N, C-alpha and C. Protein backbone atom coordinates (compact mmCIF):
# COMPACT_ATOMS: atom_id res chain seq x y z
N UNK A 1 39.87 190.46 -1.46
CA UNK A 1 39.28 191.32 -2.02
C UNK A 1 38.86 190.68 -3.25
N UNK A 2 37.47 190.98 -3.52
CA UNK A 2 36.69 190.25 -4.66
C UNK A 2 36.89 190.91 -5.98
N UNK A 3 36.91 190.39 -7.13
CA UNK A 3 36.85 191.22 -8.35
C UNK A 3 35.19 191.31 -8.74
N UNK A 4 35.09 192.25 -9.17
CA UNK A 4 33.83 192.67 -9.87
C UNK A 4 33.89 191.94 -11.39
N UNK A 5 32.48 191.46 -11.89
CA UNK A 5 32.34 190.74 -12.87
C UNK A 5 32.77 191.64 -14.07
N UNK A 6 32.62 192.98 -13.99
CA UNK A 6 32.50 193.95 -15.33
C UNK A 6 33.96 194.45 -15.47
N UNK A 7 34.88 194.06 -15.05
CA UNK A 7 36.17 194.16 -15.37
C UNK A 7 36.50 194.49 -16.79
N UNK A 8 37.40 195.35 -17.13
CA UNK A 8 37.62 195.82 -18.56
C UNK A 8 38.56 194.42 -19.21
N UNK A 9 38.35 194.31 -20.32
CA UNK A 9 39.30 193.18 -20.89
C UNK A 9 40.58 193.32 -20.89
N UNK A 10 41.03 194.61 -20.68
CA UNK A 10 42.46 194.68 -20.86
C UNK A 10 42.90 194.50 -19.43
N UNK A 11 42.16 194.80 -18.44
CA UNK A 11 42.46 194.61 -16.86
C UNK A 11 42.24 193.04 -16.61
N UNK A 12 41.47 192.47 -17.03
CA UNK A 12 41.45 190.92 -17.00
C UNK A 12 42.81 190.27 -17.60
N UNK A 13 42.96 190.72 -18.84
CA UNK A 13 44.25 190.28 -19.63
C UNK A 13 45.60 190.47 -18.41
N UNK A 14 45.74 191.45 -18.02
CA UNK A 14 46.83 191.83 -17.14
C UNK A 14 46.75 190.69 -16.06
N UNK A 15 45.35 190.79 -15.03
CA UNK A 15 45.28 189.74 -14.09
C UNK A 15 45.72 188.28 -14.62
N UNK A 16 45.17 188.02 -15.72
CA UNK A 16 45.72 186.86 -16.13
C UNK A 16 47.16 186.77 -16.30
N UNK A 17 47.83 187.52 -16.61
CA UNK A 17 49.23 187.56 -16.81
C UNK A 17 49.90 187.24 -15.78
N UNK A 18 49.23 188.06 -14.77
CA UNK A 18 49.77 188.05 -13.04
C UNK A 18 49.74 186.61 -13.01
N UNK A 19 48.79 186.12 -12.77
CA UNK A 19 48.24 184.81 -12.46
C UNK A 19 49.07 183.63 -13.12
N UNK A 20 49.52 183.80 -14.20
CA UNK A 20 50.33 182.88 -14.87
C UNK A 20 51.77 182.82 -14.52
N UNK A 21 52.22 184.14 -14.15
CA UNK A 21 53.62 184.35 -13.84
C UNK A 21 53.73 183.76 -12.25
N UNK A 22 52.70 183.89 -11.37
CA UNK A 22 52.57 183.77 -10.39
C UNK A 22 52.47 181.71 -9.98
N UNK A 23 51.96 181.22 -10.96
CA UNK A 23 51.83 179.95 -11.11
C UNK A 23 53.19 179.35 -11.66
N UNK A 24 54.00 180.13 -12.82
CA UNK A 24 55.28 179.93 -13.08
C UNK A 24 56.16 179.72 -12.09
N UNK A 25 56.32 180.79 -11.37
CA UNK A 25 57.07 180.82 -10.35
C UNK A 25 56.94 179.56 -9.24
N UNK A 26 55.68 179.44 -8.91
CA UNK A 26 55.36 178.30 -8.06
C UNK A 26 56.02 177.05 -8.36
N UNK A 27 55.65 176.81 -9.70
CA UNK A 27 56.21 175.36 -10.35
C UNK A 27 57.91 175.45 -10.37
N UNK A 28 58.59 176.55 -10.57
CA UNK A 28 59.75 176.71 -10.53
C UNK A 28 60.47 176.71 -9.14
N UNK A 29 59.61 177.23 -8.09
CA UNK A 29 59.81 176.76 -6.71
C UNK A 29 59.87 175.23 -6.43
N UNK A 30 58.73 174.62 -6.94
CA UNK A 30 58.39 173.35 -6.70
C UNK A 30 59.89 172.05 -7.33
N UNK A 31 60.12 172.77 -8.19
CA UNK A 31 61.28 171.85 -9.30
C UNK A 31 62.52 172.24 -8.25
N UNK A 32 62.66 173.35 -7.61
CA UNK A 32 63.78 173.78 -7.23
C UNK A 32 63.92 173.09 -5.68
N UNK A 33 62.70 172.84 -5.07
CA UNK A 33 62.58 172.26 -3.87
C UNK A 33 62.88 170.74 -3.86
N UNK A 34 62.39 170.28 -4.98
CA UNK A 34 62.56 168.74 -5.21
C UNK A 34 64.17 168.52 -5.64
N UNK A 35 64.62 169.31 -6.36
CA UNK A 35 66.11 169.22 -6.53
C UNK A 35 66.93 169.34 -5.51
N UNK A 36 66.71 170.30 -4.54
CA UNK A 36 67.41 170.56 -3.22
C UNK A 36 67.24 169.34 -2.17
N UNK A 37 66.01 168.64 -2.15
CA UNK A 37 65.82 167.60 -1.34
C UNK A 37 66.80 166.32 -1.90
N UNK A 38 66.59 166.07 -3.29
CA UNK A 38 67.48 165.30 -3.84
C UNK A 38 68.92 165.52 -3.47
N UNK A 39 69.40 166.44 -3.45
CA UNK A 39 70.93 166.56 -3.27
C UNK A 39 70.87 166.53 -1.81
N UNK A 40 70.21 166.98 -1.08
CA UNK A 40 70.26 166.80 0.23
C UNK A 40 70.60 165.13 0.93
N UNK A 41 69.48 164.70 -0.05
CA UNK A 41 69.36 163.13 0.39
C UNK A 41 70.49 162.39 0.09
N UNK A 42 71.26 162.92 -1.16
CA UNK A 42 72.53 162.18 -1.66
C UNK A 42 73.66 162.55 -0.57
N UNK A 43 73.63 163.84 -0.28
CA UNK A 43 74.72 164.39 0.57
C UNK A 43 74.65 163.50 1.92
N UNK A 44 73.48 163.40 2.50
CA UNK A 44 73.43 162.60 3.79
C UNK A 44 73.78 161.46 3.71
N UNK A 45 73.27 160.58 2.51
CA UNK A 45 73.76 159.60 2.41
C UNK A 45 75.33 158.96 2.29
N UNK A 46 75.85 160.12 1.59
CA UNK A 46 77.45 160.01 1.12
C UNK A 46 78.07 160.18 2.65
N UNK A 47 77.63 161.08 3.73
CA UNK A 47 77.90 161.35 4.94
C UNK A 47 77.88 160.11 5.89
N UNK A 48 76.60 159.36 5.52
CA UNK A 48 76.30 158.27 6.50
C UNK A 48 77.39 156.98 5.95
N UNK A 49 77.77 156.91 4.62
CA UNK A 49 78.56 156.09 4.11
C UNK A 49 79.77 156.24 4.91
N UNK A 50 80.34 157.52 4.61
CA UNK A 50 81.87 157.97 4.96
C UNK A 50 82.02 157.65 6.43
N UNK A 51 80.75 157.80 7.49
CA UNK A 51 80.96 157.50 8.82
C UNK A 51 81.05 156.30 8.97
N UNK A 52 80.07 155.10 8.21
CA UNK A 52 80.38 153.57 8.33
C UNK A 52 81.64 153.11 8.02
N UNK A 53 82.19 153.81 7.09
CA UNK A 53 83.37 153.46 6.54
C UNK A 53 84.41 153.54 7.76
N UNK A 54 84.38 154.83 8.20
CA UNK A 54 85.42 155.16 9.05
C UNK A 54 85.18 154.40 10.58
N UNK A 55 83.95 153.95 10.98
CA UNK A 55 83.66 153.46 11.96
C UNK A 55 84.27 151.82 11.68
N UNK A 56 83.98 151.34 10.60
CA UNK A 56 84.56 150.01 10.36
C UNK A 56 86.04 149.96 10.18
N UNK A 57 86.56 151.12 10.00
CA UNK A 57 88.18 151.13 9.83
C UNK A 57 88.89 151.32 11.25
N UNK A 58 88.08 151.56 12.25
CA UNK A 58 88.28 151.34 13.70
C UNK A 58 88.64 150.10 14.04
N UNK A 59 87.96 148.78 13.61
CA UNK A 59 87.90 147.66 14.46
C UNK A 59 89.25 147.15 13.55
């Protein structure tokens, strides 16, 4: 959907607020994804270490 150039100033202000809100949500989602990925990696590393410990304990 194309925007017309002659939008009223208040409509443009609303559009800009919506765009800013979308950008803020996207930034929070990226931050959450980064945190989730780091937490997952630490958990997997811990599980691997526990597995290696148990494997070494069998010998």
